[in-house]
Amino acid sequence: MTAAPVDPDARPPRPTFAQFMAVARRPKWIGALLLSLAIAAAFAALGQWQLERSVQNVSVPEYDTETPVALETVATPQQRMTDPSIGQRVTASGEVVAGDFSVIGPRENDGELGFWLVAHVRTDDGASLAVGLGWAPDADSAEAAERAVPERLEVAGRYLPTESPELNDVEDGERRVLSIGELLNLWEEPGPVYAGFVVMAEPTPGLDAIHQPPPERDTSLNWLNVFYAIEWVVFAGFAVFLWYRLVRDVWEAEVAAE
């Protein structure tokens, strides 16, 4: 019975761990392993450096939001809010428009659900400004506090951007967000209007203060540096894989020769 012919192009099976180590522990390949590990370590260090740069290159503008300034110095009626004005403590004064109060809620206030009382203030420059007067645990208490609101109001609080009316629960008739666009449809003769609203630092009597922490500025990574960091890590892995591939090729060549 004749033996089956041997295909000279057929690759030998993968070596076992013992077979692979028989070649890998030769001085030549131990030296090559040390070299590949050194190269991999250098590539990994470059990757870490690029990752650190991705954070260091992020420039977050710092604004002094805690020193009160006049509202008209950071905002203009009928104009979009600018980033420096978001969360800025501001002052203004004006007449409270009777009948243009709104109760907003339920919404969270420092971990508790309740309702805001919001007033329509016509400032001394003739513009309309929404002002959050305070917070109450229920809608009736918030509405009852309207009687304590003076006809003229000295506004002092944090200036915040309008919220999206899409978050309101229309089916249940709940107005949960303070949307300037929505309030315009409820106010009588609003005229020019500020794009944001002010949350009072000192609430109207009968209400609690609305929680108003300083704004947190968003940061974003430098994604080009992140990409370079990933690239260096891939190179580090490839350096070790190349050593493995060379050792395996030597073992396959020796098996084929036998």
Protein backbone atom coordinates (compact mmCIF):
# COMPACT_ATOMS: atom_id res chain seq x y z
CA MET A 1 0.00 0.00 0.00
CA THR A 2 1.57 3.30 -1.10
CA ALA A 3 1.70 6.34 1.18
CA ALA A 4 -0.36 9.41 0.33
CA PRO A 5 1.65 12.04 -1.54
CA VAL A 6 2.82 15.02 0.53
CA ASP A 7 1.66 18.45 -0.56
CA PRO A 8 4.78 20.63 -0.52
CA ASP A 9 2.64 23.79 -0.21
CA ALA A 10 0.70 22.54 2.83
CA ARG A 11 1.53 24.49 5.99
CA PRO A 12 2.37 22.49 9.11
CA PRO A 13 -0.10 22.65 12.02
CA ARG A 14 0.29 25.23 14.74
CA PRO A 15 3.10 24.38 17.13
CA THR A 16 2.29 23.34 20.66
CA PHE A 17 3.52 25.52 23.47
CA ALA A 18 6.47 23.18 24.11
CA GLN A 19 7.39 23.12 20.41
CA PHE A 20 7.14 26.91 20.17
CA MET A 21 9.26 27.44 23.31
CA ALA A 22 11.90 25.04 21.97
CA VAL A 23 12.64 27.66 19.33
CA ALA A 24 11.75 30.78 21.33
CA ARG A 25 14.24 30.12 24.16
CA ARG A 26 17.21 30.08 21.84
CA PRO A 27 19.52 33.02 22.64
CA LYS A 28 18.83 34.65 19.30
CA TRP A 29 15.07 34.78 19.84
CA ILE A 30 15.36 35.70 23.52
CA GLY A 31 17.31 38.75 22.38
CA ALA A 32 14.68 39.46 19.72
CA LEU A 33 11.95 39.22 22.37
CA LEU A 34 13.72 41.69 24.62
CA LEU A 35 14.10 44.06 21.67
CA SER A 36 10.42 43.75 20.73
CA LEU A 37 9.37 44.36 24.35
CA ALA A 38 11.55 47.45 24.47
CA ILE A 39 9.99 48.73 21.25
CA ALA A 40 6.51 47.92 22.57
CA ALA A 41 7.24 49.79 25.81
CA ALA A 42 8.41 52.82 23.83
CA PHE A 43 5.24 52.75 21.69
CA ALA A 44 3.07 52.40 24.82
CA ALA A 45 4.83 55.40 26.39
CA LEU A 46 4.14 57.42 23.26
CA GLY A 47 0.49 56.35 23.45
CA GLN A 48 0.25 57.47 27.07
CA TRP A 49 1.86 60.80 26.15
CA GLN A 50 -0.69 61.35 23.38
CA LEU A 51 -3.52 60.46 25.78
CA GLU A 52 -2.27 63.00 28.31
CA ARG A 53 -2.08 65.64 25.59
CA SER A 54 -5.68 64.92 24.62
CA VAL A 55 -6.69 66.16 28.08
CA GLN A 56 -4.09 68.93 28.43
CA ASN A 57 -5.09 70.45 25.09
CA VAL A 58 -8.68 70.92 26.26
CA SER A 59 -9.10 74.58 27.10
CA VAL A 60 -12.08 75.25 29.34
CA PRO A 61 -12.86 78.97 29.59
CA GLU A 62 -13.25 80.21 33.14
CA TYR A 63 -15.81 82.89 33.90
CA ASP A 64 -16.48 84.68 37.15
CA THR A 65 -20.14 83.78 37.48
CA GLU A 66 -20.39 84.47 41.21
CA THR A 67 -19.83 88.23 41.14
CA PRO A 68 -23.23 89.87 40.40
CA VAL A 69 -23.37 92.16 37.37
CA ALA A 70 -26.16 94.16 35.76
CA LEU A 71 -28.24 91.95 33.47
CA GLU A 72 -27.94 94.31 30.51
CA THR A 73 -24.14 93.98 30.58
CA VAL A 74 -24.25 90.25 29.76
CA ALA A 75 -27.54 89.86 27.87
CA THR A 76 -29.58 91.73 25.28
CA PRO A 77 -33.32 91.33 24.67
CA GLN A 78 -34.21 89.43 21.50
CA GLN A 79 -30.66 88.04 21.31
CA ARG A 80 -29.45 84.51 22.00
CA MET A 81 -27.61 83.82 25.24
CA THR A 82 -23.83 83.81 25.07
CA ASP A 83 -21.76 81.20 26.88
CA PRO A 84 -20.26 83.66 29.41
CA SER A 85 -23.76 84.70 30.52
CA ILE A 86 -24.95 81.17 31.35
CA GLY A 87 -25.16 80.81 35.11
CA GLN A 88 -24.00 84.39 35.73
CA ARG A 89 -25.34 86.09 38.84
CA VAL A 90 -27.16 89.22 37.65
CA THR A 91 -29.18 92.12 38.98
CA ALA A 92 -32.10 94.00 37.44
CA SER A 93 -35.21 95.86 38.51
CA GLY A 94 -38.66 96.28 37.07
CA GLU A 95 -42.42 96.05 37.47
CA VAL A 96 -44.14 92.72 38.07
CA VAL A 97 -46.88 92.24 35.47
CA ALA A 98 -50.02 91.27 37.39
CA GLY A 99 -51.77 88.18 36.11
CA ASP A 100 -48.72 86.85 34.27
CA PHE A 101 -47.67 84.39 36.98
CA SER A 102 -47.00 80.74 36.12
CA VAL A 103 -46.66 77.66 38.29
CA ILE A 104 -44.04 75.27 36.90
CA GLY A 105 -43.80 71.68 38.06
CA PRO A 106 -43.45 69.17 39.38
CA ARG A 107 -39.70 69.53 39.14
CA GLU A 108 -36.81 68.59 41.37
CA ASN A 109 -35.30 71.11 43.75
CA ASP A 110 -32.23 69.84 45.59
CA GLY A 111 -33.60 66.29 45.60
CA GLU A 112 -37.26 67.11 46.32
CA LEU A 113 -40.16 67.44 43.92
CA GLY A 114 -42.16 70.63 44.02
CA PHE A 115 -43.34 73.65 42.06
CA TRP A 116 -41.81 76.96 40.98
CA LEU A 117 -43.63 80.26 40.98
CA VAL A 118 -42.53 82.28 37.94
CA ALA A 119 -43.26 85.96 37.40
CA HIS A 120 -43.24 88.17 34.33
CA VAL A 121 -41.11 91.22 35.09
CA ARG A 122 -40.96 94.20 32.77
CA THR A 123 -37.52 95.64 33.41
CA ASP A 124 -36.69 99.33 33.53
CA ASP A 125 -35.45 99.15 29.94
CA GLY A 126 -38.87 97.87 28.80
CA ALA A 127 -37.89 94.24 28.18
CA SER A 128 -39.68 91.15 29.49
CA LEU A 129 -37.85 88.84 31.88
CA ALA A 130 -39.00 85.57 33.39
CA VAL A 131 -38.09 85.33 37.07
CA GLY A 132 -38.26 82.20 39.23
CA LEU A 133 -39.47 83.57 42.57
CA GLY A 134 -39.14 80.40 44.63
CA TRP A 135 -40.16 76.82 45.25
CA ALA A 136 -43.04 75.21 47.13
CA PRO A 137 -43.82 71.56 47.84
CA ASP A 138 -47.20 71.77 46.10
CA ALA A 139 -48.85 73.85 43.38
CA ASP A 140 -51.40 75.48 45.69
CA SER A 141 -48.69 76.83 48.01
CA ALA A 142 -46.75 78.18 45.04
CA GLU A 143 -49.85 79.92 43.66
CA ALA A 144 -50.77 81.35 47.08
CA ALA A 145 -47.38 83.07 47.28
CA GLU A 146 -48.41 85.42 44.45
CA ARG A 147 -50.01 87.69 47.06
CA ALA A 148 -46.61 88.31 48.68
CA VAL A 149 -44.93 89.46 45.46
CA PRO A 150 -44.39 93.25 45.41
CA GLU A 151 -45.45 95.36 42.44
CA ARG A 152 -41.84 96.37 41.88
CA LEU A 153 -39.12 93.76 42.13
CA GLU A 154 -35.39 94.04 42.66
CA VAL A 155 -34.12 91.00 40.79
CA ALA A 156 -30.94 89.32 42.02
CA GLY A 157 -30.12 85.76 41.08
CA ARG A 158 -28.62 83.39 38.53
CA TYR A 159 -29.29 83.83 34.81
CA LEU A 160 -30.11 80.51 33.15
CA PRO A 161 -31.01 79.41 29.60
CA THR A 162 -34.55 78.64 28.49
CA GLU A 163 -35.67 75.02 28.59
CA SER A 164 -37.30 72.93 25.88
CA PRO A 165 -41.13 72.87 25.95
CA GLU A 166 -41.02 69.33 24.55
CA LEU A 167 -40.29 68.10 28.08
CA ASN A 168 -43.74 69.18 29.27
CA ASP A 169 -46.34 66.50 29.94
CA VAL A 170 -49.05 67.88 27.67
CA GLU A 171 -51.39 64.92 28.19
CA ASP A 172 -51.55 65.49 31.96
CA GLY A 173 -51.58 69.27 31.57
CA GLU A 174 -48.31 69.68 33.48
CA ARG A 175 -45.84 72.44 32.67
CA ARG A 176 -42.59 71.03 34.01
CA VAL A 177 -40.05 73.27 32.30
CA LEU A 178 -39.51 76.98 32.04
CA SER A 179 -39.70 77.70 28.32
CA ILE A 180 -39.47 81.36 27.32
CA GLY A 181 -41.13 80.62 23.98
CA GLU A 182 -44.09 79.06 25.76
CA LEU A 183 -44.42 81.91 28.26
CA LEU A 184 -44.56 84.42 25.40
CA ASN A 185 -47.85 82.84 24.36
CA LEU A 186 -49.23 83.31 27.89
CA TRP A 187 -48.01 86.83 28.68
CA GLU A 188 -49.92 89.93 27.64
CA GLU A 189 -47.87 92.36 25.52
CA PRO A 190 -44.46 90.82 26.24
CA GLY A 191 -42.54 93.10 23.86
CA PRO A 192 -38.80 92.46 23.57
CA VAL A 193 -37.84 89.51 25.77
CA TYR A 194 -34.66 88.14 27.31
CA ALA A 195 -33.73 84.67 26.04
CA GLY A 196 -33.00 83.34 29.52
CA PHE A 197 -34.61 83.55 32.93
CA VAL A 198 -33.39 84.52 36.39
CA VAL A 199 -33.74 82.35 39.49
CA MET A 200 -33.94 84.57 42.57
CA ALA A 201 -31.27 84.06 45.21
CA GLU A 202 -33.70 85.26 47.92
CA PRO A 203 -37.16 83.73 47.44
CA THR A 204 -40.51 85.44 47.82
CA PRO A 205 -41.92 85.10 51.37
CA GLY A 206 -43.77 81.82 51.70
CA LEU A 207 -41.46 80.04 49.24
CA ASP A 208 -38.14 78.23 49.54
CA ALA A 209 -35.09 79.17 47.54
CA ILE A 210 -34.61 77.38 44.22
CA HIS A 211 -31.40 75.39 44.21
CA GLN A 212 -28.97 77.16 41.88
CA PRO A 213 -25.44 75.71 41.90
CA PRO A 214 -22.71 77.29 39.77
CA PRO A 215 -22.73 76.06 36.16
CA GLU A 216 -20.48 73.20 35.10
CA ARG A 217 -18.72 73.85 31.82
CA ASP A 218 -18.57 70.90 29.44
CA THR A 219 -15.16 69.67 28.40
CA SER A 220 -14.32 67.69 25.31
CA LEU A 221 -11.29 65.58 24.51
CA ASN A 222 -8.93 66.27 21.66
CA TRP A 223 -9.95 63.24 19.61
CA LEU A 224 -6.99 63.52 17.24
CA ASN A 225 -4.62 62.87 20.15
CA VAL A 226 -6.84 60.00 21.32
CA PHE A 227 -6.60 58.46 17.85
CA TYR A 228 -2.80 58.79 17.91
CA ALA A 229 -2.72 57.14 21.37
CA ILE A 230 -4.71 54.15 20.08
CA GLU A 231 -2.40 53.97 17.07
CA TRP A 232 0.70 53.71 19.28
CA VAL A 233 -0.92 50.95 21.36
CA VAL A 234 -1.64 48.99 18.16
CA PHE A 235 2.00 49.43 17.12
CA ALA A 236 3.13 48.12 20.54
CA GLY A 237 1.02 45.00 20.15
CA PHE A 238 2.27 44.50 16.60
CA ALA A 239 5.91 44.58 17.78
CA VAL A 240 5.30 41.58 20.07
CA PHE A 241 3.19 39.79 17.45
CA LEU A 242 5.97 40.20 14.90
CA TRP A 243 8.39 38.41 17.22
CA TYR A 244 5.87 35.57 17.65
CA ARG A 245 5.35 35.34 13.89
CA LEU A 246 9.12 35.15 13.19
CA VAL A 247 9.65 32.42 15.78
CA ARG A 248 6.74 30.42 14.37
CA ASP A 249 8.07 30.80 10.81
CA VAL A 250 11.40 29.35 11.96
CA TRP A 251 9.66 26.37 13.56
CA GLU A 252 7.57 25.78 10.40
CA ALA A 253 10.67 25.96 8.22
CA GLU A 254 12.44 23.37 10.40
CA VAL A 255 9.42 21.07 10.32
CA ALA A 256 9.18 21.37 6.55
CA ALA A 257 12.88 20.59 6.21
CA GLU A 258 12.46 17.44 8.24
